[in-house]
Amino acid sequence: MPCRQSHTIFLREALARRARCADEVRSQLSIRLLSVCGYDPVGDMITADGVQGSALTKFVDRFFADPNVAYLDARNAQPGCFAERIDRRV
């Protein structure tokens, strides 16, 4: 069953482009405790766990070993704010 949440959404009026990183963990994620959820292609959550950001790379590899996981959402665990979407390499 999908996880429902209601929370504040912050928008940036002058955002020129989205940050894109490939095969790296952004420094601001590496210092945080994260809650990571794995979703199937239709958006249903199929797995979740907590991880220290410094171990995120190994954690992502472990989740993507499951062929049913299409993408991951990482949140800052303590305030619960969305941090990043992590897509499977194509």
C-alpha atoms as a PDB file:
ATOM      1  CA  MET A   1       0.000   0.000   0.000  1.00  0.00           C
ATOM      2  CA  PRO A   2       1.424   3.432  -0.867  1.00  0.00           C
ATOM      3  CA  CYS A   3       2.421   5.762   1.937  1.00  0.00           C
ATOM      4  CA  ARG A   4       0.242   8.889   2.199  1.00  0.00           C
ATOM      5  CA  GLN A   5       1.670  12.067   3.657  1.00  0.00           C
ATOM      6  CA  SER A   6       0.664  15.665   3.917  1.00  0.00           C
ATOM      7  CA  HIS A   7       3.298  18.284   4.488  1.00  0.00           C
ATOM      8  CA  THR A   8       4.549  21.665   3.401  1.00  0.00           C
ATOM      9  CA  ILE A   9       5.824  22.005  -0.161  1.00  0.00           C
ATOM     10  CA  PHE A  10       8.477  24.621  -0.864  1.00  0.00           C
ATOM     11  CA  LEU A  11       8.830  25.996  -4.385  1.00  0.00           C
ATOM     12  CA  ARG A  12      11.647  28.046  -5.878  1.00  0.00           C
ATOM     13  CA  GLU A  13      10.455  30.632  -8.353  1.00  0.00           C
ATOM     14  CA  ALA A  14      13.805  31.162 -10.067  1.00  0.00           C
ATOM     15  CA  LEU A  15      15.071  27.581 -10.192  1.00  0.00           C
ATOM     16  CA  ALA A  16      16.905  27.328 -13.503  1.00  0.00           C
ATOM     17  CA  ARG A  17      17.471  23.560 -13.555  1.00  0.00           C
ATOM     18  CA  ARG A  18      17.287  20.453 -11.440  1.00  0.00           C
ATOM     19  CA  ALA A  19      20.482  19.072  -9.970  1.00  0.00           C
ATOM     20  CA  ARG A  20      21.504  15.816 -11.613  1.00  0.00           C
ATOM     21  CA  CYS A  21      24.134  13.521 -10.165  1.00  0.00           C
ATOM     22  CA  ALA A  22      25.278  10.222 -11.592  1.00  0.00           C
ATOM     23  CA  ASP A  23      27.068   7.579  -9.552  1.00  0.00           C
ATOM     24  CA  GLU A  24      27.714   9.894  -6.618  1.00  0.00           C
ATOM     25  CA  VAL A  25      26.174  10.853  -3.302  1.00  0.00           C
ATOM     26  CA  ARG A  26      25.733  14.586  -2.815  1.00  0.00           C
ATOM     27  CA  SER A  27      27.716  15.834   0.179  1.00  0.00           C
ATOM     28  CA  GLN A  28      24.611  17.129   1.966  1.00  0.00           C
ATOM     29  CA  LEU A  29      23.118  13.609   1.898  1.00  0.00           C
ATOM     30  CA  SER A  30      26.288  11.875   3.064  1.00  0.00           C
ATOM     31  CA  ILE A  31      26.132  13.583   6.489  1.00  0.00           C
ATOM     32  CA  ARG A  32      22.483  12.813   7.275  1.00  0.00           C
ATOM     33  CA  LEU A  33      20.440   9.934   8.601  1.00  0.00           C
ATOM     34  CA  LEU A  34      18.107   8.973   5.754  1.00  0.00           C
ATOM     35  CA  SER A  35      14.887   7.050   5.344  1.00  0.00           C
ATOM     36  CA  VAL A  36      14.852   5.371   1.927  1.00  0.00           C
ATOM     37  CA  CYS A  37      11.810   3.782   0.292  1.00  0.00           C
ATOM     38  CA  GLY A  38      11.856   1.591  -2.816  1.00  0.00           C
ATOM     39  CA  TYR A  39       8.976   1.765  -5.289  1.00  0.00           C
ATOM     40  CA  ASP A  40       7.846  -0.408  -8.167  1.00  0.00           C
ATOM     41  CA  PRO A  41       7.176   1.083 -11.642  1.00  0.00           C
ATOM     42  CA  VAL A  42       3.582   2.051 -10.759  1.00  0.00           C
ATOM     43  CA  GLY A  43       4.622   3.863  -7.568  1.00  0.00           C
ATOM     44  CA  ASP A  44       3.741   1.310  -4.899  1.00  0.00           C
ATOM     45  CA  MET A  45       6.223   1.130  -2.021  1.00  0.00           C
ATOM     46  CA  ILE A  46       7.730  -2.352  -1.814  1.00  0.00           C
ATOM     47  CA  THR A  47      10.628  -1.858   0.602  1.00  0.00           C
ATOM     48  CA  ALA A  48      12.006   0.693   3.066  1.00  0.00           C
ATOM     49  CA  ASP A  49      14.872   1.082   5.499  1.00  0.00           C
ATOM     50  CA  GLY A  50      16.989   3.641   7.297  1.00  0.00           C
ATOM     51  CA  VAL A  51      20.623   4.311   6.460  1.00  0.00           C
ATOM     52  CA  GLN A  52      23.405   6.671   7.406  1.00  0.00           C
ATOM     53  CA  GLY A  53      24.096   8.808   4.312  1.00  0.00           C
ATOM     54  CA  SER A  54      27.765   7.814   4.270  1.00  0.00           C
ATOM     55  CA  ALA A  55      26.635   4.224   3.477  1.00  0.00           C
ATOM     56  CA  LEU A  56      24.024   5.215   0.867  1.00  0.00           C
ATOM     57  CA  THR A  57      25.898   3.881  -2.188  1.00  0.00           C
ATOM     58  CA  LYS A  58      26.018   0.281  -0.878  1.00  0.00           C
ATOM     59  CA  PHE A  59      22.421   0.582   0.277  1.00  0.00           C
ATOM     60  CA  VAL A  60      21.245   1.712  -3.190  1.00  0.00           C
ATOM     61  CA  ASP A  61      23.058  -1.217  -4.813  1.00  0.00           C
ATOM     62  CA  ARG A  62      21.361  -3.622  -2.372  1.00  0.00           C
ATOM     63  CA  PHE A  63      17.884  -2.233  -3.089  1.00  0.00           C
ATOM     64  CA  PHE A  64      18.382  -2.234  -6.866  1.00  0.00           C
ATOM     65  CA  ALA A  65      19.460  -5.893  -6.717  1.00  0.00           C
ATOM     66  CA  ASP A  66      15.689  -6.495  -6.548  1.00  0.00           C
ATOM     67  CA  PRO A  67      14.449  -6.153 -10.164  1.00  0.00           C
ATOM     68  CA  ASN A  68      11.029  -4.997  -8.896  1.00  0.00           C
ATOM     69  CA  VAL A  69      12.503  -1.776  -7.456  1.00  0.00           C
ATOM     70  CA  ALA A  70      12.219   0.946 -10.124  1.00  0.00           C
ATOM     71  CA  TYR A  71      13.321   3.942  -8.052  1.00  0.00           C
ATOM     72  CA  LEU A  72      14.064   5.097  -4.514  1.00  0.00           C
ATOM     73  CA  ASP A  73      13.000   8.162  -2.572  1.00  0.00           C
ATOM     74  CA  ALA A  74      15.379   9.417   0.113  1.00  0.00           C
ATOM     75  CA  ARG A  75      14.130  11.592   2.956  1.00  0.00           C
ATOM     76  CA  ASN A  76      15.921  13.236   5.836  1.00  0.00           C
ATOM     77  CA  ALA A  77      14.917  10.811   8.586  1.00  0.00           C
ATOM     78  CA  GLN A  78      14.517  13.222  11.467  1.00  0.00           C
ATOM     79  CA  PRO A  79      12.472  16.063   9.925  1.00  0.00           C
ATOM     80  CA  GLY A  80      11.057  13.751   7.245  1.00  0.00           C
ATOM     81  CA  CYS A  81      11.668  16.177   4.381  1.00  0.00           C
ATOM     82  CA  PHE A  82      12.071  14.803   0.857  1.00  0.00           C
ATOM     83  CA  ALA A  83      15.718  14.916  -0.162  1.00  0.00           C
ATOM     84  CA  GLU A  84      16.192  13.093  -3.444  1.00  0.00           C
ATOM     85  CA  ARG A  85      14.827  10.617  -5.960  1.00  0.00           C
ATOM     86  CA  ILE A  86      17.283   7.910  -6.994  1.00  0.00           C
ATOM     87  CA  ASP A  87      16.645   6.200 -10.319  1.00  0.00           C
ATOM     88  CA  ARG A  88      17.977   2.894 -11.550  1.00  0.00           C
ATOM     89  CA  ARG A  89      20.801   3.227 -14.095  1.00  0.00           C
ATOM     90  CA  VAL A  90      19.688   2.660 -17.660  1.00  0.00           C
END
